[in-house]
Amino acid sequence: MKKTTKRLGGTNDGHVLGERTFAAITAVEGISLSPESRKRLSSMKKRKLTNEEQRTEVIRAYIEAKTR
């Protein structure tokens, strides 16, 4: 059974990848998550954040990392 995600409203056209799809792409590309990123993703999943909330949290984490 294929699970799809629909976006509600908004002007930004795009597609949100599912967790398994993202994992498959990163495996092919040879990309691996840092322990900090794994912890953040696990936390977001437990808190059941919306796609927009997850996006905001990831962007905030990378902005903070760049300013260090």
PDB file of N, CA and C in Angstrom:
ATOM      1  N   MET A   1       0.845  -1.174   0.000  1.00  0.00           N
ATOM      2  CA  MET A   1       0.000   0.000   0.000  1.00  0.00           C
ATOM      3  C   MET A   1       0.891   1.238   0.000  1.00  0.00           C
ATOM      4  N   LYS A   2       0.681   2.094  -0.951  1.00  0.00           N
ATOM      5  CA  LYS A   2       1.487   3.299  -1.083  1.00  0.00           C
ATOM      6  C   LYS A   2       0.836   4.438  -0.315  1.00  0.00           C
ATOM      7  N   LYS A   3       1.610   5.087   0.521  1.00  0.00           N
ATOM      8  CA  LYS A   3       1.104   6.211   1.301  1.00  0.00           C
ATOM      9  C   LYS A   3       1.575   7.504   0.654  1.00  0.00           C
ATOM     10  N   THR A   4       0.649   8.399   0.388  1.00  0.00           N
ATOM     11  CA  THR A   4       1.011   9.676  -0.195  1.00  0.00           C
ATOM     12  C   THR A   4       0.684  10.785   0.785  1.00  0.00           C
ATOM     13  N   THR A   5       1.377  11.874   0.633  1.00  0.00           N
ATOM     14  CA  THR A   5       1.157  13.034   1.484  1.00  0.00           C
ATOM     15  C   THR A   5       0.618  14.162   0.618  1.00  0.00           C
ATOM     16  N   LYS A   6      -0.510  14.729   1.020  1.00  0.00           N
ATOM     17  CA  LYS A   6      -1.067  15.857   0.291  1.00  0.00           C
ATOM     18  C   LYS A   6      -0.797  17.120   1.074  1.00  0.00           C
ATOM     19  N   ARG A   7      -0.516  18.183   0.346  1.00  0.00           N
ATOM     20  CA  ARG A   7      -0.280  19.479   0.974  1.00  0.00           C
ATOM     21  C   ARG A   7      -1.570  20.265   0.946  1.00  0.00           C
ATOM     22  N   LEU A   8      -1.815  20.972   1.998  1.00  0.00           N
ATOM     23  CA  LEU A   8      -3.002  21.801   2.074  1.00  0.00           C
ATOM     24  C   LEU A   8      -2.618  23.250   1.842  1.00  0.00           C
ATOM     25  N   GLY A   9      -3.161  23.838   0.784  1.00  0.00           N
ATOM     26  CA  GLY A   9      -2.936  25.252   0.516  1.00  0.00           C
ATOM     27  C   GLY A   9      -1.481  25.592   0.291  1.00  0.00           C
ATOM     28  N   GLY A  10      -1.177  26.862   0.475  1.00  0.00           N
ATOM     29  CA  GLY A  10       0.193  27.318   0.309  1.00  0.00           C
ATOM     30  C   GLY A  10       0.526  27.610  -1.139  1.00  0.00           C
ATOM     31  N   THR A  11       1.510  28.437  -1.329  1.00  0.00           N
ATOM     32  CA  THR A  11       1.899  28.819  -2.686  1.00  0.00           C
ATOM     33  C   THR A  11       3.151  28.097  -3.142  1.00  0.00           C
ATOM     34  N   ASN A  12       3.823  27.400  -2.251  1.00  0.00           N
ATOM     35  CA  ASN A  12       5.074  26.734  -2.582  1.00  0.00           C
ATOM     36  C   ASN A  12       4.780  25.337  -3.118  1.00  0.00           C
ATOM     37  N   ASP A  13       4.939  25.146  -4.421  1.00  0.00           N
ATOM     38  CA  ASP A  13       4.739  23.825  -4.995  1.00  0.00           C
ATOM     39  C   ASP A  13       5.936  22.967  -4.659  1.00  0.00           C
ATOM     40  N   GLY A  14       5.687  21.738  -4.297  1.00  0.00           N
ATOM     41  CA  GLY A  14       6.775  20.843  -3.965  1.00  0.00           C
ATOM     42  C   GLY A  14       6.233  19.499  -3.552  1.00  0.00           C
ATOM     43  N   HIS A  15       7.129  18.614  -3.194  1.00  0.00           N
ATOM     44  CA  HIS A  15       6.747  17.264  -2.799  1.00  0.00           C
ATOM     45  C   HIS A  15       7.525  16.901  -1.547  1.00  0.00           C
ATOM     46  N   VAL A  16       6.847  16.330  -0.587  1.00  0.00           N
ATOM     47  CA  VAL A  16       7.493  15.904   0.648  1.00  0.00           C
ATOM     48  C   VAL A  16       7.783  14.418   0.534  1.00  0.00           C
ATOM     49  N   LEU A  17       9.046  14.055   0.700  1.00  0.00           N
ATOM     50  CA  LEU A  17       9.428  12.651   0.621  1.00  0.00           C
ATOM     51  C   LEU A  17       9.102  11.940   1.926  1.00  0.00           C
ATOM     52  N   GLY A  18       8.702  10.698   1.801  1.00  0.00           N
ATOM     53  CA  GLY A  18       8.482   9.871   2.973  1.00  0.00           C
ATOM     54  C   GLY A  18       9.820   9.410   3.533  1.00  0.00           C
ATOM     55  N   GLU A  19       9.774   8.907   4.738  1.00  0.00           N
ATOM     56  CA  GLU A  19      11.004   8.490   5.435  1.00  0.00           C
ATOM     57  C   GLU A  19      11.738   7.387   4.677  1.00  0.00           C
ATOM     58  N   ARG A  20      11.008   6.382   4.187  1.00  0.00           N
ATOM     59  CA  ARG A  20      11.661   5.276   3.474  1.00  0.00           C
ATOM     60  C   ARG A  20      12.246   5.731   2.138  1.00  0.00           C
ATOM     61  N   THR A  21      11.528   6.590   1.452  1.00  0.00           N
ATOM     62  CA  THR A  21      12.027   7.108   0.172  1.00  0.00           C
ATOM     63  C   THR A  21      13.302   7.912   0.385  1.00  0.00           C
ATOM     64  N   PHE A  22      13.291   8.778   1.396  1.00  0.00           N
ATOM     65  CA  PHE A  22      14.469   9.583   1.696  1.00  0.00           C
ATOM     66  C   PHE A  22      15.649   8.689   2.064  1.00  0.00           C
ATOM     67  N   ALA A  23      15.401   7.655   2.861  1.00  0.00           N
ATOM     68  CA  ALA A  23      16.478   6.736   3.258  1.00  0.00           C
ATOM     69  C   ALA A  23      17.066   6.029   2.042  1.00  0.00           C
ATOM     70  N   ALA A  24      16.217   5.625   1.103  1.00  0.00           N
ATOM     71  CA  ALA A  24      16.692   4.941  -0.098  1.00  0.00           C
ATOM     72  C   ALA A  24      17.549   5.868  -0.956  1.00  0.00           C
ATOM     73  N   ILE A  25      17.113   7.101  -1.115  1.00  0.00           N
ATOM     74  CA  ILE A  25      17.873   8.063  -1.919  1.00  0.00           C
ATOM     75  C   ILE A  25      19.222   8.352  -1.272  1.00  0.00           C
ATOM     76  N   THR A  26      19.241   8.575   0.028  1.00  0.00           N
ATOM     77  CA  THR A  26      20.507   8.884   0.695  1.00  0.00           C
ATOM     78  C   THR A  26      21.457   7.695   0.658  1.00  0.00           C
ATOM     79  N   ALA A  27      20.918   6.476   0.704  1.00  0.00           N
ATOM     80  CA  ALA A  27      21.778   5.292   0.623  1.00  0.00           C
ATOM     81  C   ALA A  27      22.457   5.222  -0.738  1.00  0.00           C
ATOM     82  N   VAL A  28      21.719   5.501  -1.794  1.00  0.00           N
ATOM     83  CA  VAL A  28      22.282   5.484  -3.148  1.00  0.00           C
ATOM     84  C   VAL A  28      23.330   6.581  -3.306  1.00  0.00           C
ATOM     85  N   GLU A  29      23.065   7.736  -2.741  1.00  0.00           N
ATOM     86  CA  GLU A  29      23.978   8.875  -2.837  1.00  0.00           C
ATOM     87  C   GLU A  29      25.174   8.757  -1.895  1.00  0.00           C
ATOM     88  N   GLY A  30      25.136   7.803  -0.979  1.00  0.00           N
ATOM     89  CA  GLY A  30      26.238   7.630  -0.029  1.00  0.00           C
ATOM     90  C   GLY A  30      26.226   8.655   1.084  1.00  0.00           C
ATOM     91  N   ILE A  31      25.056   9.210   1.378  1.00  0.00           N
ATOM     92  CA  ILE A  31      24.921  10.224   2.428  1.00  0.00           C
ATOM     93  C   ILE A  31      24.442   9.538   3.702  1.00  0.00           C
ATOM     94  N   SER A  32      25.015   9.919   4.825  1.00  0.00           N
ATOM     95  CA  SER A  32      24.531   9.374   6.099  1.00  0.00           C
ATOM     96  C   SER A  32      24.276  10.523   7.070  1.00  0.00           C
ATOM     97  N   LEU A  33      23.313  10.323   7.939  1.00  0.00           N
ATOM     98  CA  LEU A  33      22.963  11.346   8.910  1.00  0.00           C
ATOM     99  C   LEU A  33      23.928  11.329  10.089  1.00  0.00           C
ATOM    100  N   SER A  34      24.187  12.500  10.617  1.00  0.00           N
ATOM    101  CA  SER A  34      25.005  12.597  11.819  1.00  0.00           C
ATOM    102  C   SER A  34      24.177  12.109  13.001  1.00  0.00           C
ATOM    103  N   PRO A  35      24.829  11.729  14.093  1.00  0.00           N
ATOM    104  CA  PRO A  35      24.076  11.330  15.291  1.00  0.00           C
ATOM    105  C   PRO A  35      23.110  12.426  15.754  1.00  0.00           C
ATOM    106  N   GLU A  36      23.526  13.675  15.630  1.00  0.00           N
ATOM    107  CA  GLU A  36      22.661  14.795  16.016  1.00  0.00           C
ATOM    108  C   GLU A  36      21.411  14.851  15.140  1.00  0.00           C
ATOM    109  N   SER A  37      21.574  14.638  13.837  1.00  0.00           N
ATOM    110  CA  SER A  37      20.434  14.651  12.920  1.00  0.00           C
ATOM    111  C   SER A  37      19.497  13.484  13.195  1.00  0.00           C
ATOM    112  N   ARG A  38      20.065  12.314  13.465  1.00  0.00           N
ATOM    113  CA  ARG A  38      19.231  11.151  13.792  1.00  0.00           C
ATOM    114  C   ARG A  38      18.398  11.414  15.048  1.00  0.00           C
ATOM    115  N   LYS A  39      19.025  12.035  16.035  1.00  0.00           N
ATOM    116  CA  LYS A  39      18.331  12.352  17.286  1.00  0.00           C
ATOM    117  C   LYS A  39      17.196  13.347  17.017  1.00  0.00           C
ATOM    118  N   ARG A  40      17.469  14.365  16.202  1.00  0.00           N
ATOM    119  CA  ARG A  40      16.460  15.364  15.871  1.00  0.00           C
ATOM    120  C   ARG A  40      15.285  14.724  15.135  1.00  0.00           C
ATOM    121  N   LEU A  41      15.548  13.875  14.153  1.00  0.00           N
ATOM    122  CA  LEU A  41      14.482  13.217  13.394  1.00  0.00           C
ATOM    123  C   LEU A  41      13.646  12.309  14.286  1.00  0.00           C
ATOM    124  N   SER A  42      14.306  11.585  15.176  1.00  0.00           N
ATOM    125  CA  SER A  42      13.588  10.724  16.115  1.00  0.00           C
ATOM    126  C   SER A  42      12.669  11.541  17.015  1.00  0.00           C
ATOM    127  N   SER A  43      13.178  12.653  17.493  1.00  0.00           N
ATOM    128  CA  SER A  43      12.396  13.540  18.358  1.00  0.00           C
ATOM    129  C   SER A  43      11.184  14.100  17.605  1.00  0.00           C
ATOM    130  N   MET A  44      11.385  14.517  16.362  1.00  0.00           N
ATOM    131  CA  MET A  44      10.285  15.079  15.578  1.00  0.00           C
ATOM    132  C   MET A  44       9.205  14.025  15.335  1.00  0.00           C
ATOM    133  N   LYS A  45       9.640  12.788  15.094  1.00  0.00           N
ATOM    134  CA  LYS A  45       8.687  11.708  14.845  1.00  0.00           C
ATOM    135  C   LYS A  45       7.860  11.429  16.107  1.00  0.00           C
ATOM    136  N   LYS A  46       8.512  11.404  17.254  1.00  0.00           N
ATOM    137  CA  LYS A  46       7.807  11.159  18.516  1.00  0.00           C
ATOM    138  C   LYS A  46       6.809  12.259  18.837  1.00  0.00           C
ATOM    139  N   ARG A  47       7.176  13.508  18.482  1.00  0.00           N
ATOM    140  CA  ARG A  47       6.300  14.651  18.768  1.00  0.00           C
ATOM    141  C   ARG A  47       5.218  14.831  17.717  1.00  0.00           C
ATOM    142  N   LYS A  48       5.278  14.020  16.647  1.00  0.00           N
ATOM    143  CA  LYS A  48       4.279  14.043  15.576  1.00  0.00           C
ATOM    144  C   LYS A  48       4.087  15.444  14.999  1.00  0.00           C
ATOM    145  N   LEU A  49       5.214  16.053  14.636  1.00  0.00           N
ATOM    146  CA  LEU A  49       5.169  17.388  14.046  1.00  0.00           C
ATOM    147  C   LEU A  49       4.605  17.330  12.626  1.00  0.00           C
ATOM    148  N   THR A  50       3.980  18.414  12.212  1.00  0.00           N
ATOM    149  CA  THR A  50       3.501  18.510  10.839  1.00  0.00           C
ATOM    150  C   THR A  50       4.719  18.668   9.916  1.00  0.00           C
ATOM    151  N   ASN A  51       4.501  18.516   8.621  1.00  0.00           N
ATOM    152  CA  ASN A  51       5.588  18.691   7.654  1.00  0.00           C
ATOM    153  C   ASN A  51       6.194  20.080   7.776  1.00  0.00           C
ATOM    154  N   GLU A  52       5.348  21.084   7.912  1.00  0.00           N
ATOM    155  CA  GLU A  52       5.832  22.467   8.024  1.00  0.00           C
ATOM    156  C   GLU A  52       6.642  22.657   9.309  1.00  0.00           C
ATOM    157  N   GLU A  53       6.194  22.078  10.411  1.00  0.00           N
ATOM    158  CA  GLU A  53       6.932  22.189  11.676  1.00  0.00           C
ATOM    159  C   GLU A  53       8.282  21.482  11.580  1.00  0.00           C
ATOM    160  N   GLN A  54       8.309  20.331  10.913  1.00  0.00           N
ATOM    161  CA  GLN A  54       9.571  19.611  10.723  1.00  0.00           C
ATOM    162  C   GLN A  54      10.532  20.435   9.872  1.00  0.00           C
ATOM    163  N   ARG A  55      10.032  20.977   8.784  1.00  0.00           N
ATOM    164  CA  ARG A  55      10.858  21.793   7.890  1.00  0.00           C
ATOM    165  C   ARG A  55      11.457  22.973   8.647  1.00  0.00           C
ATOM    166  N   THR A  56      10.613  23.645   9.438  1.00  0.00           N
ATOM    167  CA  THR A  56      11.072  24.796  10.219  1.00  0.00           C
ATOM    168  C   THR A  56      12.162  24.394  11.209  1.00  0.00           C
ATOM    169  N   GLU A  57      11.983  23.266  11.868  1.00  0.00           N
ATOM    170  CA  GLU A  57      12.969  22.815  12.848  1.00  0.00           C
ATOM    171  C   GLU A  57      14.305  22.454  12.196  1.00  0.00           C
ATOM    172  N   VAL A  58      14.255  21.799  11.051  1.00  0.00           N
ATOM    173  CA  VAL A  58      15.495  21.433  10.351  1.00  0.00           C
ATOM    174  C   VAL A  58      16.214  22.682   9.862  1.00  0.00           C
ATOM    175  N   ILE A  59      15.475  23.614   9.284  1.00  0.00           N
ATOM    176  CA  ILE A  59      16.087  24.864   8.813  1.00  0.00           C
ATOM    177  C   ILE A  59      16.729  25.604   9.975  1.00  0.00           C
ATOM    178  N   ARG A  60      16.026  25.684  11.098  1.00  0.00           N
ATOM    179  CA  ARG A  60      16.563  26.364  12.285  1.00  0.00           C
ATOM    180  C   ARG A  60      17.862  25.695  12.752  1.00  0.00           C
ATOM    181  N   ALA A  61      17.898  24.375  12.732  1.00  0.00           N
ATOM    182  CA  ALA A  61      19.095  23.644  13.167  1.00  0.00           C
ATOM    183  C   ALA A  61      20.288  23.972  12.263  1.00  0.00           C
ATOM    184  N   TYR A  62      20.065  24.062  10.951  1.00  0.00           N
ATOM    185  CA  TYR A  62      21.163  24.351  10.040  1.00  0.00           C
ATOM    186  C   TYR A  62      21.593  25.814  10.101  1.00  0.00           C
ATOM    187  N   ILE A  63      20.654  26.700  10.343  1.00  0.00           N
ATOM    188  CA  ILE A  63      21.025  28.100  10.516  1.00  0.00           C
ATOM    189  C   ILE A  63      21.882  28.272  11.768  1.00  0.00           C
ATOM    190  N   GLU A  64      21.483  27.609  12.854  1.00  0.00           N
ATOM    191  CA  GLU A  64      22.265  27.659  14.087  1.00  0.00           C
ATOM    192  C   GLU A  64      23.655  27.074  13.897  1.00  0.00           C
ATOM    193  N   ALA A  65      23.748  25.992  13.126  1.00  0.00           N
ATOM    194  CA  ALA A  65      25.044  25.352  12.884  1.00  0.00           C
ATOM    195  C   ALA A  65      25.957  26.269  12.074  1.00  0.00           C
ATOM    196  N   LYS A  66      25.403  27.026  11.125  1.00  0.00           N
ATOM    197  CA  LYS A  66      26.212  27.927  10.304  1.00  0.00           C
ATOM    198  C   LYS A  66      26.734  29.112  11.093  1.00  0.00           C
ATOM    199  N   THR A  67      26.025  29.529  12.131  1.00  0.00           N
ATOM    200  CA  THR A  67      26.428  30.695  12.897  1.00  0.00           C
ATOM    201  C   THR A  67      27.414  30.355  14.015  1.00  0.00           C
ATOM    202  N   ARG A  68      27.727  29.107  14.181  1.00  0.00           N
ATOM    203  CA  ARG A  68      28.675  28.698  15.231  1.00  0.00           C
ATOM    204  C   ARG A  68      30.091  28.926  14.800  1.00  0.00           C
TER     205      ARG A  68
END
